[in-house]
Amino acid sequence: QLQLVESGGGLVQPGGSLRLSCAASGFTLDYYGIAWFRQAPGKEREGVSCISSSAGIIYYADSVKGRFTTSRDNAKNTVYLQMDSLKPEDTGVYYCAASWGENYCSSEHTFWTYDYWGQGTQVTVSS
């Protein structure tokens, strides 16, 4: 079965950290650009970050720049989102998505055609 599976979400206090993983099953991520999205209750889905297929280009939304770090380990067929200095406004369901052949990242990644989506993992930042 071809799928993306996110993990690593949970409940954390403000200022804390979480690392999300996005693992591919049934296909290799090598030639896919990967994006992270999040959606808070009552809000539209927001593009958080993307990483190009070669990992040469990484983009971050202004709301997470300097706090979140995206990386990929193609040997493990996994992409990561390290989230530090978390804030309550980071709360939401986080999704990863894969788009074939994307070797450039920018805010325009929200317009990519995504081939695969994960099921989402809940991140709650609260004291």
PDB file of N, CA and C in Angstrom:
ATOM      1  N   GLN A   1       0.847  -1.194   0.000  1.00  0.00           N
ATOM      2  CA  GLN A   1       0.000   0.000   0.000  1.00  0.00           C
ATOM      3  C   GLN A   1       0.880   1.241   0.000  1.00  0.00           C
ATOM      4  N   LEU A   2       0.566   2.182  -0.870  1.00  0.00           N
ATOM      5  CA  LEU A   2       1.351   3.401  -0.992  1.00  0.00           C
ATOM      6  C   LEU A   2       0.776   4.436  -0.041  1.00  0.00           C
ATOM      7  N   GLN A   3       1.571   4.869   0.919  1.00  0.00           N
ATOM      8  CA  GLN A   3       1.044   5.833   1.864  1.00  0.00           C
ATOM      9  C   GLN A   3       2.153   6.580   2.592  1.00  0.00           C
ATOM     10  N   LEU A   4       1.764   7.705   3.180  1.00  0.00           N
ATOM     11  CA  LEU A   4       2.608   8.459   4.094  1.00  0.00           C
ATOM     12  C   LEU A   4       2.014   8.335   5.482  1.00  0.00           C
ATOM     13  N   VAL A   5       2.872   8.164   6.455  1.00  0.00           N
ATOM     14  CA  VAL A   5       2.411   8.024   7.833  1.00  0.00           C
ATOM     15  C   VAL A   5       3.164   9.017   8.707  1.00  0.00           C
ATOM     16  N   GLU A   6       2.409   9.926   9.332  1.00  0.00           N
ATOM     17  CA  GLU A   6       3.015  10.864  10.266  1.00  0.00           C
ATOM     18  C   GLU A   6       2.996  10.288  11.668  1.00  0.00           C
ATOM     19  N   SER A   7       3.960  10.702  12.453  1.00  0.00           N
ATOM     20  CA  SER A   7       4.000  10.330  13.866  1.00  0.00           C
ATOM     21  C   SER A   7       4.755  11.406  14.624  1.00  0.00           C
ATOM     22  N   GLY A   8       4.647  11.356  15.952  1.00  0.00           N
ATOM     23  CA  GLY A   8       5.412  12.266  16.794  1.00  0.00           C
ATOM     24  C   GLY A   8       4.622  13.395  17.410  1.00  0.00           C
ATOM     25  N   GLY A   9       3.349  13.494  17.087  1.00  0.00           N
ATOM     26  CA  GLY A   9       2.540  14.545  17.685  1.00  0.00           C
ATOM     27  C   GLY A   9       2.262  14.264  19.147  1.00  0.00           C
ATOM     28  N   GLY A  10       1.660  15.247  19.812  1.00  0.00           N
ATOM     29  CA  GLY A  10       1.324  15.062  21.204  1.00  0.00           C
ATOM     30  C   GLY A  10       1.016  16.379  21.879  1.00  0.00           C
ATOM     31  N   LEU A  11       0.960  16.320  23.196  1.00  0.00           N
ATOM     32  CA  LEU A  11       0.698  17.488  24.021  1.00  0.00           C
ATOM     33  C   LEU A  11       2.017  17.985  24.600  1.00  0.00           C
ATOM     34  N   VAL A  12       2.282  19.263  24.440  1.00  0.00           N
ATOM     35  CA  VAL A  12       3.529  19.839  24.943  1.00  0.00           C
ATOM     36  C   VAL A  12       3.235  21.219  25.505  1.00  0.00           C
ATOM     37  N   GLN A  13       4.023  21.622  26.479  1.00  0.00           N
ATOM     38  CA  GLN A  13       3.860  22.952  27.067  1.00  0.00           C
ATOM     39  C   GLN A  13       4.482  24.014  26.170  1.00  0.00           C
ATOM     40  N   PRO A  14       3.999  25.226  26.265  1.00  0.00           N
ATOM     41  CA  PRO A  14       4.634  26.313  25.507  1.00  0.00           C
ATOM     42  C   PRO A  14       6.130  26.370  25.793  1.00  0.00           C
ATOM     43  N   GLY A  15       6.896  26.568  24.719  1.00  0.00           N
ATOM     44  CA  GLY A  15       8.345  26.568  24.835  1.00  0.00           C
ATOM     45  C   GLY A  15       8.974  25.205  24.629  1.00  0.00           C
ATOM     46  N   GLY A  16       8.149  24.176  24.580  1.00  0.00           N
ATOM     47  CA  GLY A  16       8.655  22.824  24.409  1.00  0.00           C
ATOM     48  C   GLY A  16       8.941  22.476  22.967  1.00  0.00           C
ATOM     49  N   SER A  17       9.316  21.210  22.757  1.00  0.00           N
ATOM     50  CA  SER A  17       9.708  20.735  21.428  1.00  0.00           C
ATOM     51  C   SER A  17       9.022  19.419  21.103  1.00  0.00           C
ATOM     52  N   LEU A  18       8.829  19.211  19.814  1.00  0.00           N
ATOM     53  CA  LEU A  18       8.368  17.935  19.286  1.00  0.00           C
ATOM     54  C   LEU A  18       9.076  17.704  17.959  1.00  0.00           C
ATOM     55  N   ARG A  19       9.251  16.443  17.610  1.00  0.00           N
ATOM     56  CA  ARG A  19       9.755  16.115  16.287  1.00  0.00           C
ATOM     57  C   ARG A  19       8.748  15.210  15.590  1.00  0.00           C
ATOM     58  N   LEU A  20       8.234  15.703  14.480  1.00  0.00           N
ATOM     59  CA  LEU A  20       7.309  14.916  13.673  1.00  0.00           C
ATOM     60  C   LEU A  20       8.085  14.151  12.614  1.00  0.00           C
ATOM     61  N   SER A  21       7.597  12.956  12.327  1.00  0.00           N
ATOM     62  CA  SER A  21       8.177  12.135  11.267  1.00  0.00           C
ATOM     63  C   SER A  21       7.117  11.865  10.212  1.00  0.00           C
ATOM     64  N   CYS A  22       7.570  11.773   8.987  1.00  0.00           N
ATOM     65  CA  CYS A  22       6.692  11.450   7.861  1.00  0.00           C
ATOM     66  C   CYS A  22       7.383  10.330   7.091  1.00  0.00           C
ATOM     67  N   ALA A  23       6.877   9.135   7.253  1.00  0.00           N
ATOM     68  CA  ALA A  23       7.511   7.960   6.652  1.00  0.00           C
ATOM     69  C   ALA A  23       6.695   7.468   5.463  1.00  0.00           C
ATOM     70  N   ALA A  24       7.394   7.156   4.393  1.00  0.00           N
ATOM     71  CA  ALA A  24       6.736   6.635   3.195  1.00  0.00           C
ATOM     72  C   ALA A  24       6.719   5.106   3.232  1.00  0.00           C
ATOM     73  N   SER A  25       5.608   4.569   2.786  1.00  0.00           N
ATOM     74  CA  SER A  25       5.462   3.116   2.714  1.00  0.00           C
ATOM     75  C   SER A  25       5.013   2.735   1.322  1.00  0.00           C
ATOM     76  N   GLY A  26       5.742   1.810   0.703  1.00  0.00           N
ATOM     77  CA  GLY A  26       5.350   1.338  -0.621  1.00  0.00           C
ATOM     78  C   GLY A  26       5.947   2.119  -1.773  1.00  0.00           C
ATOM     79  N   PHE A  27       6.663   3.183  -1.477  1.00  0.00           N
ATOM     80  CA  PHE A  27       7.335   3.948  -2.528  1.00  0.00           C
ATOM     81  C   PHE A  27       8.501   4.697  -1.898  1.00  0.00           C
ATOM     82  N   THR A  28       9.409   5.184  -2.748  1.00  0.00           N
ATOM     83  CA  THR A  28      10.566   5.910  -2.247  1.00  0.00           C
ATOM     84  C   THR A  28      10.346   7.414  -2.378  1.00  0.00           C
ATOM     85  N   LEU A  29      10.806   8.140  -1.363  1.00  0.00           N
ATOM     86  CA  LEU A  29      10.623   9.587  -1.352  1.00  0.00           C
ATOM     87  C   LEU A  29      11.694  10.344  -2.131  1.00  0.00           C
ATOM     88  N   ASP A  30      12.677   9.633  -2.665  1.00  0.00           N
ATOM     89  CA  ASP A  30      13.861  10.283  -3.243  1.00  0.00           C
ATOM     90  C   ASP A  30      13.537  11.408  -4.214  1.00  0.00           C
ATOM     91  N   TYR A  31      12.524  11.237  -5.057  1.00  0.00           N
ATOM     92  CA  TYR A  31      12.255  12.207  -6.112  1.00  0.00           C
ATOM     93  C   TYR A  31      11.027  13.060  -5.825  1.00  0.00           C
ATOM     94  N   TYR A  32      10.639  13.094  -4.571  1.00  0.00           N
ATOM     95  CA  TYR A  32       9.467  13.871  -4.194  1.00  0.00           C
ATOM     96  C   TYR A  32       9.851  15.073  -3.357  1.00  0.00           C
ATOM     97  N   GLY A  33       9.246  16.220  -3.689  1.00  0.00           N
ATOM     98  CA  GLY A  33       9.276  17.323  -2.750  1.00  0.00           C
ATOM     99  C   GLY A  33       8.247  17.026  -1.672  1.00  0.00           C
ATOM    100  N   ILE A  34       8.586  17.382  -0.447  1.00  0.00           N
ATOM    101  CA  ILE A  34       7.721  17.086   0.686  1.00  0.00           C
ATOM    102  C   ILE A  34       7.328  18.384   1.374  1.00  0.00           C
ATOM    103  N   ALA A  35       6.072  18.495   1.693  1.00  0.00           N
ATOM    104  CA  ALA A  35       5.584  19.683   2.394  1.00  0.00           C
ATOM    105  C   ALA A  35       4.905  19.290   3.695  1.00  0.00           C
ATOM    106  N   TRP A  36       4.948  20.210   4.628  1.00  0.00           N
ATOM    107  CA  TRP A  36       4.210  20.083   5.885  1.00  0.00           C
ATOM    108  C   TRP A  36       3.127  21.159   5.908  1.00  0.00           C
ATOM    109  N   PHE A  37       1.928  20.731   6.247  1.00  0.00           N
ATOM    110  CA  PHE A  37       0.798  21.633   6.416  1.00  0.00           C
ATOM    111  C   PHE A  37       0.274  21.462   7.847  1.00  0.00           C
ATOM    112  N   ARG A  38      -0.503  22.423   8.279  1.00  0.00           N
ATOM    113  CA  ARG A  38      -1.211  22.268   9.548  1.00  0.00           C
ATOM    114  C   ARG A  38      -2.575  22.918   9.425  1.00  0.00           C
ATOM    115  N   GLN A  39      -3.485  22.425  10.244  1.00  0.00           N
ATOM    116  CA  GLN A  39      -4.825  22.986  10.251  1.00  0.00           C
ATOM    117  C   GLN A  39      -5.327  23.050  11.690  1.00  0.00           C
ATOM    118  N   ALA A  40      -5.624  24.249  12.123  1.00  0.00           N
ATOM    119  CA  ALA A  40      -6.187  24.462  13.454  1.00  0.00           C
ATOM    120  C   ALA A  40      -7.706  24.453  13.352  1.00  0.00           C
ATOM    121  N   PRO A  41      -8.386  24.124  14.439  1.00  0.00           N
ATOM    122  CA  PRO A  41      -9.852  24.115  14.412  1.00  0.00           C
ATOM    123  C   PRO A  41     -10.415  25.445  13.943  1.00  0.00           C
ATOM    124  N   GLY A  42     -11.314  25.376  12.964  1.00  0.00           N
ATOM    125  CA  GLY A  42     -11.969  26.584  12.480  1.00  0.00           C
ATOM    126  C   GLY A  42     -11.133  27.437  11.555  1.00  0.00           C
ATOM    127  N   LYS A  43      -9.937  26.967  11.221  1.00  0.00           N
ATOM    128  CA  LYS A  43      -9.056  27.749  10.349  1.00  0.00           C
ATOM    129  C   LYS A  43      -8.732  26.970   9.083  1.00  0.00           C
ATOM    130  N   GLU A  44      -8.284  27.698   8.079  1.00  0.00           N
ATOM    131  CA  GLU A  44      -7.882  27.059   6.830  1.00  0.00           C
ATOM    132  C   GLU A  44      -6.539  26.365   6.999  1.00  0.00           C
ATOM    133  N   ARG A  45      -6.323  25.396   6.150  1.00  0.00           N
ATOM    134  CA  ARG A  45      -5.040  24.707   6.151  1.00  0.00           C
ATOM    135  C   ARG A  45      -3.926  25.674   5.776  1.00  0.00           C
ATOM    136  N   GLU A  46      -2.820  25.568   6.466  1.00  0.00           N
ATOM    137  CA  GLU A  46      -1.688  26.487   6.275  1.00  0.00           C
ATOM    138  C   GLU A  46      -0.445  25.714   5.888  1.00  0.00           C
ATOM    139  N   GLY A  47       0.242  26.184   4.864  1.00  0.00           N
ATOM    140  CA  GLY A  47       1.520  25.591   4.499  1.00  0.00           C
ATOM    141  C   GLY A  47       2.572  26.025   5.494  1.00  0.00           C
ATOM    142  N   VAL A  48       3.275  25.101   6.083  1.00  0.00           N
ATOM    143  CA  VAL A  48       4.263  25.377   7.124  1.00  0.00           C
ATOM    144  C   VAL A  48       5.685  25.372   6.565  1.00  0.00           C
ATOM    145  N   SER A  49       5.995  24.348   5.774  1.00  0.00           N
ATOM    146  CA  SER A  49       7.375  24.194   5.307  1.00  0.00           C
ATOM    147  C   SER A  49       7.372  23.251   4.124  1.00  0.00           C
ATOM    148  N   CYS A  50       8.407  23.344   3.315  1.00  0.00           N
ATOM    149  CA  CYS A  50       8.612  22.334   2.285  1.00  0.00           C
ATOM    150  C   CYS A  50      10.106  22.112   2.105  1.00  0.00           C
ATOM    151  N   ILE A  51      10.435  20.955   1.582  1.00  0.00           N
ATOM    152  CA  ILE A  51      11.817  20.595   1.306  1.00  0.00           C
ATOM    153  C   ILE A  51      11.862  19.974  -0.078  1.00  0.00           C
ATOM    154  N   SER A  52      12.808  20.438  -0.883  1.00  0.00           N
ATOM    155  CA  SER A  52      12.897  19.939  -2.244  1.00  0.00           C
ATOM    156  C   SER A  52      13.380  18.497  -2.266  1.00  0.00           C
ATOM    157  N   SER A  53      13.220  17.854  -3.412  1.00  0.00           N
ATOM    158  CA  SER A  53      13.567  16.441  -3.507  1.00  0.00           C
ATOM    159  C   SER A  53      15.035  16.194  -3.192  1.00  0.00           C
ATOM    160  N   SER A  54      15.890  17.139  -3.532  1.00  0.00           N
ATOM    161  CA  SER A  54      17.324  16.984  -3.264  1.00  0.00           C
ATOM    162  C   SER A  54      17.713  17.494  -1.888  1.00  0.00           C
ATOM    163  N   ALA A  55      16.759  18.078  -1.172  1.00  0.00           N
ATOM    164  CA  ALA A  55      16.991  18.720   0.137  1.00  0.00           C
ATOM    165  C   ALA A  55      17.853  19.965  -0.008  1.00  0.00           C
ATOM    166  N   GLY A  56      18.061  20.433  -1.253  1.00  0.00           N
ATOM    167  CA  GLY A  56      18.879  21.605  -1.441  1.00  0.00           C
ATOM    168  C   GLY A  56      18.168  22.898  -1.129  1.00  0.00           C
ATOM    169  N   ILE A  57      16.860  22.867  -1.158  1.00  0.00           N
ATOM    170  CA  ILE A  57      16.073  24.073  -0.908  1.00  0.00           C
ATOM    171  C   ILE A  57      14.994  23.750   0.121  1.00  0.00           C
ATOM    172  N   ILE A  58      14.905  24.586   1.138  1.00  0.00           N
ATOM    173  CA  ILE A  58      13.901  24.420   2.182  1.00  0.00           C
ATOM    174  C   ILE A  58      13.226  25.766   2.388  1.00  0.00           C
ATOM    175  N   TYR A  59      11.924  25.723   2.531  1.00  0.00           N
ATOM    176  CA  TYR A  59      11.132  26.922   2.757  1.00  0.00           C
ATOM    177  C   TYR A  59      10.402  26.810   4.090  1.00  0.00           C
ATOM    178  N   TYR A  60      10.271  27.957   4.784  1.00  0.00           N
ATOM    179  CA  TYR A  60       9.488  28.018   6.014  1.00  0.00           C
ATOM    180  C   TYR A  60       8.543  29.204   5.956  1.00  0.00           C
ATOM    181  N   ALA A  61       7.333  28.993   6.418  1.00  0.00           N
ATOM    182  CA  ALA A  61       6.408  30.107   6.585  1.00  0.00           C
ATOM    183  C   ALA A  61       6.961  31.050   7.658  1.00  0.00           C
ATOM    184  N   ASP A  62       6.629  32.319   7.544  1.00  0.00           N
ATOM    185  CA  ASP A  62       7.130  33.308   8.502  1.00  0.00           C
ATOM    186  C   ASP A  62       6.742  32.955   9.932  1.00  0.00           C
ATOM    187  N   SER A  63       5.589  32.331  10.090  1.00  0.00           N
ATOM    188  CA  SER A  63       5.081  32.032  11.436  1.00  0.00           C
ATOM    189  C   SER A  63       5.934  30.994  12.173  1.00  0.00           C
ATOM    190  N   VAL A  64       6.760  30.232  11.432  1.00  0.00           N
ATOM    191  CA  VAL A  64       7.561  29.182  12.085  1.00  0.00           C
ATOM    192  C   VAL A  64       9.055  29.364  11.845  1.00  0.00           C
ATOM    193  N   LYS A  65       9.426  30.335  11.047  1.00  0.00           N
ATOM    194  CA  LYS A  65      10.833  30.530  10.708  1.00  0.00           C
ATOM    195  C   LYS A  65      11.668  30.773  11.962  1.00  0.00           C
ATOM    196  N   GLY A  66      12.781  30.078  12.044  1.00  0.00           N
ATOM    197  CA  GLY A  66      13.646  30.204  13.207  1.00  0.00           C
ATOM    198  C   GLY A  66      13.303  29.259  14.340  1.00  0.00           C
ATOM    199  N   ARG A  67      12.141  28.609  14.261  1.00  0.00           N
ATOM    200  CA  ARG A  67      11.719  27.681  15.320  1.00  0.00           C
ATOM    201  C   ARG A  67      11.585  26.252  14.806  1.00  0.00           C
ATOM    202  N   PHE A  68      11.210  26.107  13.554  1.00  0.00           N
ATOM    203  CA  PHE A  68      11.006  24.779  12.965  1.00  0.00           C
ATOM    204  C   PHE A  68      12.140  24.470  12.002  1.00  0.00           C
ATOM    205  N   THR A  69      12.484  23.195  11.926  1.00  0.00           N
ATOM    206  CA  THR A  69      13.526  22.739  11.008  1.00  0.00           C
ATOM    207  C   THR A  69      13.049  21.485  10.291  1.00  0.00           C
ATOM    208  N   THR A  70      13.085  21.549   8.964  1.00  0.00           N
ATOM    209  CA  THR A  70      12.697  20.403   8.143  1.00  0.00           C
ATOM    210  C   THR A  70      13.950  19.725   7.616  1.00  0.00           C
ATOM    211  N   SER A  71      13.934  18.407   7.641  1.00  0.00           N
ATOM    212  CA  SER A  71      15.063  17.653   7.091  1.00  0.00           C
ATOM    213  C   SER A  71      14.529  16.356   6.492  1.00  0.00           C
ATOM    214  N   ARG A  72      15.368  15.702   5.731  1.00  0.00           N
ATOM    215  CA  ARG A  72      14.959  14.431   5.149  1.00  0.00           C
ATOM    216  C   ARG A  72      16.122  13.458   5.209  1.00  0.00           C
ATOM    217  N   ASP A  73      15.779  12.201   5.376  1.00  0.00           N
ATOM    218  CA  ASP A  73      16.755  11.112   5.368  1.00  0.00           C
ATOM    219  C   ASP A  73      16.243  10.109   4.350  1.00  0.00           C
ATOM    220  N   ASN A  74      16.729  10.219   3.131  1.00  0.00           N
ATOM    221  CA  ASN A  74      16.220   9.350   2.073  1.00  0.00           C
ATOM    222  C   ASN A  74      16.560   7.883   2.323  1.00  0.00           C
ATOM    223  N   ALA A  75      17.634   7.642   3.030  1.00  0.00           N
ATOM    224  CA  ALA A  75      17.992   6.254   3.351  1.00  0.00           C
ATOM    225  C   ALA A  75      16.922   5.615   4.235  1.00  0.00           C
ATOM    226  N   LYS A  76      16.291   6.439   5.073  1.00  0.00           N
ATOM    227  CA  LYS A  76      15.227   5.944   5.946  1.00  0.00           C
ATOM    228  C   LYS A  76      13.846   6.209   5.357  1.00  0.00           C
ATOM    229  N   ASN A  77      13.841   6.853   4.162  1.00  0.00           N
ATOM    230  CA  ASN A  77      12.568   7.137   3.495  1.00  0.00           C
ATOM    231  C   ASN A  77      11.642   7.959   4.380  1.00  0.00           C
ATOM    232  N   THR A  78      12.229   8.919   5.054  1.00  0.00           N
ATOM    233  CA  THR A  78      11.505   9.679   6.070  1.00  0.00           C
ATOM    234  C   THR A  78      11.892  11.161   6.006  1.00  0.00           C
ATOM    235  N   VAL A  79      10.908  11.999   6.251  1.00  0.00           N
ATOM    236  CA  VAL A  79      11.121  13.434   6.386  1.00  0.00           C
ATOM    237  C   VAL A  79      10.724  13.836   7.802  1.00  0.00           C
ATOM    238  N   TYR A  80      11.443  14.814   8.341  1.00  0.00           N
ATOM    239  CA  TYR A  80      11.222  15.223   9.722  1.00  0.00           C
ATOM    240  C   TYR A  80      10.867  16.701   9.814  1.00  0.00           C
ATOM    241  N   LEU A  81      10.111  17.032  10.834  1.00  0.00           N
ATOM    242  CA  LEU A  81       9.836  18.422  11.166  1.00  0.00           C
ATOM    243  C   LEU A  81      10.149  18.598  12.645  1.00  0.00           C
ATOM    244  N   GLN A  82      11.288  19.214  12.929  1.00  0.00           N
ATOM    245  CA  GLN A  82      11.675  19.509  14.303  1.00  0.00           C
ATOM    246  C   GLN A  82      11.040  20.833  14.698  1.00  0.00           C
ATOM    247  N   MET A  83      10.255  20.803  15.754  1.00  0.00           N
ATOM    248  CA  MET A  83       9.531  21.994  16.185  1.00  0.00           C
ATOM    249  C   MET A  83      10.010  22.389  17.573  1.00  0.00           C
ATOM    250  N   ASP A  84      10.632  23.541  17.675  1.00  0.00           N
ATOM    251  CA  ASP A  84      11.144  24.055  18.942  1.00  0.00           C
ATOM    252  C   ASP A  84      10.420  25.340  19.314  1.00  0.00           C
ATOM    253  N   SER A  85      10.558  25.734  20.560  1.00  0.00           N
ATOM    254  CA  SER A  85       9.932  26.976  21.060  1.00  0.00           C
ATOM    255  C   SER A  85       8.464  27.033  20.661  1.00  0.00           C
ATOM    256  N   LEU A  86       7.776  25.956  20.901  1.00  0.00           N
ATOM    257  CA  LEU A  86       6.380  25.861  20.460  1.00  0.00           C
ATOM    258  C   LEU A  86       5.499  26.857  21.193  1.00  0.00           C
ATOM    259  N   LYS A  87       4.506  27.333  20.462  1.00  0.00           N
ATOM    260  CA  LYS A  87       3.558  28.320  20.970  1.00  0.00           C
ATOM    261  C   LYS A  87       2.144  27.739  20.887  1.00  0.00           C
ATOM    262  N   PRO A  88       1.230  28.239  21.688  1.00  0.00           N
ATOM    263  CA  PRO A  88      -0.152  27.744  21.602  1.00  0.00           C
ATOM    264  C   PRO A  88      -0.730  27.864  20.195  1.00  0.00           C
ATOM    265  N   GLU A  89      -0.328  28.879  19.457  1.00  0.00           N
ATOM    266  CA  GLU A  89      -0.845  29.042  18.094  1.00  0.00           C
ATOM    267  C   GLU A  89      -0.285  28.029  17.112  1.00  0.00           C
ATOM    268  N   ASP A  90       0.637  27.190  17.545  1.00  0.00           N
ATOM    269  CA  ASP A  90       1.123  26.091  16.705  1.00  0.00           C
ATOM    270  C   ASP A  90       0.208  24.869  16.798  1.00  0.00           C
ATOM    271  N   THR A  91      -0.774  24.927  17.651  1.00  0.00           N
ATOM    272  CA  THR A  91      -1.700  23.804  17.823  1.00  0.00           C
ATOM    273  C   THR A  91      -2.467  23.525  16.541  1.00  0.00           C
ATOM    274  N   GLY A  92      -2.592  22.254  16.218  1.00  0.00           N
ATOM    275  CA  GLY A  92      -3.350  21.852  15.049  1.00  0.00           C
ATOM    276  C   GLY A  92      -2.999  20.441  14.630  1.00  0.00           C
ATOM    277  N   VAL A  93      -3.636  19.994  13.571  1.00  0.00           N
ATOM    278  CA  VAL A  93      -3.293  18.707  12.973  1.00  0.00           C
ATOM    279  C   VAL A  93      -2.256  18.973  11.886  1.00  0.00           C
ATOM    280  N   TYR A  94      -1.157  18.265  11.968  1.00  0.00           N
ATOM    281  CA  TYR A  94      -0.061  18.436  11.029  1.00  0.00           C
ATOM    282  C   TYR A  94      -0.068  17.305  10.019  1.00  0.00           C
ATOM    283  N   TYR A  95       0.053  17.679   8.753  1.00  0.00           N
ATOM    284  CA  TYR A  95       0.045  16.721   7.661  1.00  0.00           C
ATOM    285  C   TYR A  95       1.324  16.860   6.846  1.00  0.00           C
ATOM    286  N   CYS A  96       1.814  15.741   6.337  1.00  0.00           N
ATOM    287  CA  CYS A  96       2.861  15.803   5.334  1.00  0.00           C
ATOM    288  C   CYS A  96       2.253  15.370   4.000  1.00  0.00           C
ATOM    289  N   ALA A  97       2.857  15.840   2.925  1.00  0.00           N
ATOM    290  CA  ALA A  97       2.368  15.526   1.588  1.00  0.00           C
ATOM    291  C   ALA A  97       3.549  15.469   0.637  1.00  0.00           C
ATOM    292  N   ALA A  98       3.439  14.630  -0.378  1.00  0.00           N
ATOM    293  CA  ALA A  98       4.535  14.404  -1.313  1.00  0.00           C
ATOM    294  C   ALA A  98       4.116  14.765  -2.731  1.00  0.00           C
ATOM    295  N   SER A  99       5.000  15.467  -3.423  1.00  0.00           N
ATOM    296  CA  SER A  99       4.744  15.890  -4.803  1.00  0.00           C
ATOM    297  C   SER A  99       5.924  15.478  -5.671  1.00  0.00           C
ATOM    298  N   TRP A 100       5.619  14.688  -6.683  1.00  0.00           N
ATOM    299  CA  TRP A 100       6.681  14.129  -7.542  1.00  0.00           C
ATOM    300  C   TRP A 100       7.481  15.220  -8.250  1.00  0.00           C
ATOM    301  N   GLY A 101       8.804  15.090  -8.192  1.00  0.00           N
ATOM    302  CA  GLY A 101       9.697  15.881  -9.026  1.00  0.00           C
ATOM    303  C   GLY A 101       9.961  17.296  -8.585  1.00  0.00           C
ATOM    304  N   GLU A 102       9.429  17.689  -7.434  1.00  0.00           N
ATOM    305  CA  GLU A 102       9.608  19.081  -7.019  1.00  0.00           C
ATOM    306  C   GLU A 102      11.015  19.281  -6.452  1.00  0.00           C
ATOM    307  N   ASN A 103      11.846  20.000  -7.192  1.00  0.00           N
ATOM    308  CA  ASN A 103      13.194  20.259  -6.704  1.00  0.00           C
ATOM    309  C   ASN A 103      13.403  21.742  -6.439  1.00  0.00           C
ATOM    310  N   TYR A 104      12.333  22.424  -6.111  1.00  0.00           N
ATOM    311  CA  TYR A 104      12.406  23.812  -5.699  1.00  0.00           C
ATOM    312  C   TYR A 104      11.292  24.065  -4.713  1.00  0.00           C
ATOM    313  N   CYS A 105      11.573  24.865  -3.688  1.00  0.00           N
ATOM    314  CA  CYS A 105      10.573  25.153  -2.663  1.00  0.00           C
ATOM    315  C   CYS A 105      10.415  26.642  -2.470  1.00  0.00           C
ATOM    316  N   SER A 106       9.176  27.054  -2.297  1.00  0.00           N
ATOM    317  CA  SER A 106       8.888  28.439  -1.937  1.00  0.00           C
ATOM    318  C   SER A 106       7.488  28.448  -1.346  1.00  0.00           C
ATOM    319  N   SER A 107       6.972  29.640  -1.096  1.00  0.00           N
ATOM    320  CA  SER A 107       5.600  29.746  -0.604  1.00  0.00           C
ATOM    321  C   SER A 107       4.614  29.177  -1.616  1.00  0.00           C
ATOM    322  N   GLU A 108       5.040  29.050  -2.879  1.00  0.00           N
ATOM    323  CA  GLU A 108       4.167  28.520  -3.923  1.00  0.00           C
ATOM    324  C   GLU A 108       3.926  27.021  -3.789  1.00  0.00           C
ATOM    325  N   HIS A 109       4.579  26.379  -2.821  1.00  0.00           N
ATOM    326  CA  HIS A 109       4.407  24.927  -2.689  1.00  0.00           C
ATOM    327  C   HIS A 109       2.957  24.570  -2.388  1.00  0.00           C
ATOM    328  N   THR A 110       2.196  25.549  -1.885  1.00  0.00           N
ATOM    329  CA  THR A 110       0.787  25.264  -1.606  1.00  0.00           C
ATOM    330  C   THR A 110       0.009  24.980  -2.889  1.00  0.00           C
ATOM    331  N   PHE A 111       0.595  25.294  -4.030  1.00  0.00           N
ATOM    332  CA  PHE A 111      -0.066  25.041  -5.309  1.00  0.00           C
ATOM    333  C   PHE A 111       0.436  23.773  -5.995  1.00  0.00           C
ATOM    334  N   TRP A 112       1.366  23.069  -5.364  1.00  0.00           N
ATOM    335  CA  TRP A 112       1.834  21.816  -5.954  1.00  0.00           C
ATOM    336  C   TRP A 112       0.658  20.856  -6.117  1.00  0.00           C
ATOM    337  N   THR A 113       0.821  19.937  -7.032  1.00  0.00           N
ATOM    338  CA  THR A 113      -0.092  18.801  -7.129  1.00  0.00           C
ATOM    339  C   THR A 113       0.489  17.682  -6.279  1.00  0.00           C
ATOM    340  N   TYR A 114      -0.204  17.337  -5.215  1.00  0.00           N
ATOM    341  CA  TYR A 114       0.318  16.356  -4.275  1.00  0.00           C
ATOM    342  C   TYR A 114      -0.174  14.962  -4.625  1.00  0.00           C
ATOM    343  N   ASP A 115       0.760  14.039  -4.660  1.00  0.00           N
ATOM    344  CA  ASP A 115       0.437  12.654  -5.009  1.00  0.00           C
ATOM    345  C   ASP A 115       0.000  11.849  -3.796  1.00  0.00           C
ATOM    346  N   TYR A 116       0.555  12.181  -2.644  1.00  0.00           N
ATOM    347  CA  TYR A 116       0.248  11.437  -1.422  1.00  0.00           C
ATOM    348  C   TYR A 116       0.108  12.407  -0.251  1.00  0.00           C
ATOM    349  N   TRP A 117      -0.813  12.052   0.634  1.00  0.00           N
ATOM    350  CA  TRP A 117      -1.011  12.788   1.887  1.00  0.00           C
ATOM    351  C   TRP A 117      -0.975  11.800   3.045  1.00  0.00           C
ATOM    352  N   GLY A 118      -0.463  12.266   4.165  1.00  0.00           N
ATOM    353  CA  GLY A 118      -0.557  11.476   5.380  1.00  0.00           C
ATOM    354  C   GLY A 118      -1.902  11.691   6.054  1.00  0.00           C
ATOM    355  N   GLN A 119      -2.117  10.935   7.102  1.00  0.00           N
ATOM    356  CA  GLN A 119      -3.405  10.984   7.802  1.00  0.00           C
ATOM    357  C   GLN A 119      -3.453  12.103   8.839  1.00  0.00           C
ATOM    358  N   GLY A 120      -2.302  12.676   9.150  1.00  0.00           N
ATOM    359  CA  GLY A 120      -2.254  13.770  10.107  1.00  0.00           C
ATOM    360  C   GLY A 120      -1.891  13.310  11.506  1.00  0.00           C
ATOM    361  N   THR A 121      -1.239  14.191  12.245  1.00  0.00           N
ATOM    362  CA  THR A 121      -0.920  13.922  13.643  1.00  0.00           C
ATOM    363  C   THR A 121      -1.220  15.192  14.447  1.00  0.00           C
ATOM    364  N   GLN A 122      -1.860  15.018  15.588  1.00  0.00           N
ATOM    365  CA  GLN A 122      -2.307  16.154  16.399  1.00  0.00           C
ATOM    366  C   GLN A 122      -1.147  16.703  17.224  1.00  0.00           C
ATOM    367  N   VAL A 123      -0.993  18.016  17.168  1.00  0.00           N
ATOM    368  CA  VAL A 123      -0.045  18.723  18.018  1.00  0.00           C
ATOM    369  C   VAL A 123      -0.835  19.720  18.858  1.00  0.00           C
ATOM    370  N   THR A 124      -0.698  19.616  20.161  1.00  0.00           N
ATOM    371  CA  THR A 124      -1.384  20.524  21.067  1.00  0.00           C
ATOM    372  C   THR A 124      -0.360  21.183  21.969  1.00  0.00           C
ATOM    373  N   VAL A 125      -0.328  22.500  21.930  1.00  0.00           N
ATOM    374  CA  VAL A 125       0.601  23.262  22.765  1.00  0.00           C
ATOM    375  C   VAL A 125      -0.231  24.006  23.804  1.00  0.00           C
ATOM    376  N   SER A 126      -0.100  23.574  25.030  1.00  0.00           N
ATOM    377  CA  SER A 126      -0.937  24.134  26.090  1.00  0.00           C
ATOM    378  C   SER A 126      -0.286  23.905  27.437  1.00  0.00           C
ATOM    379  N   SER A 127      -0.514  24.838  28.352  1.00  0.00           N
ATOM    380  CA  SER A 127      -0.021  24.671  29.707  1.00  0.00           C
ATOM    381  C   SER A 127      -1.099  24.052  30.587  1.00  0.00           C
TER     382      SER A 127
END
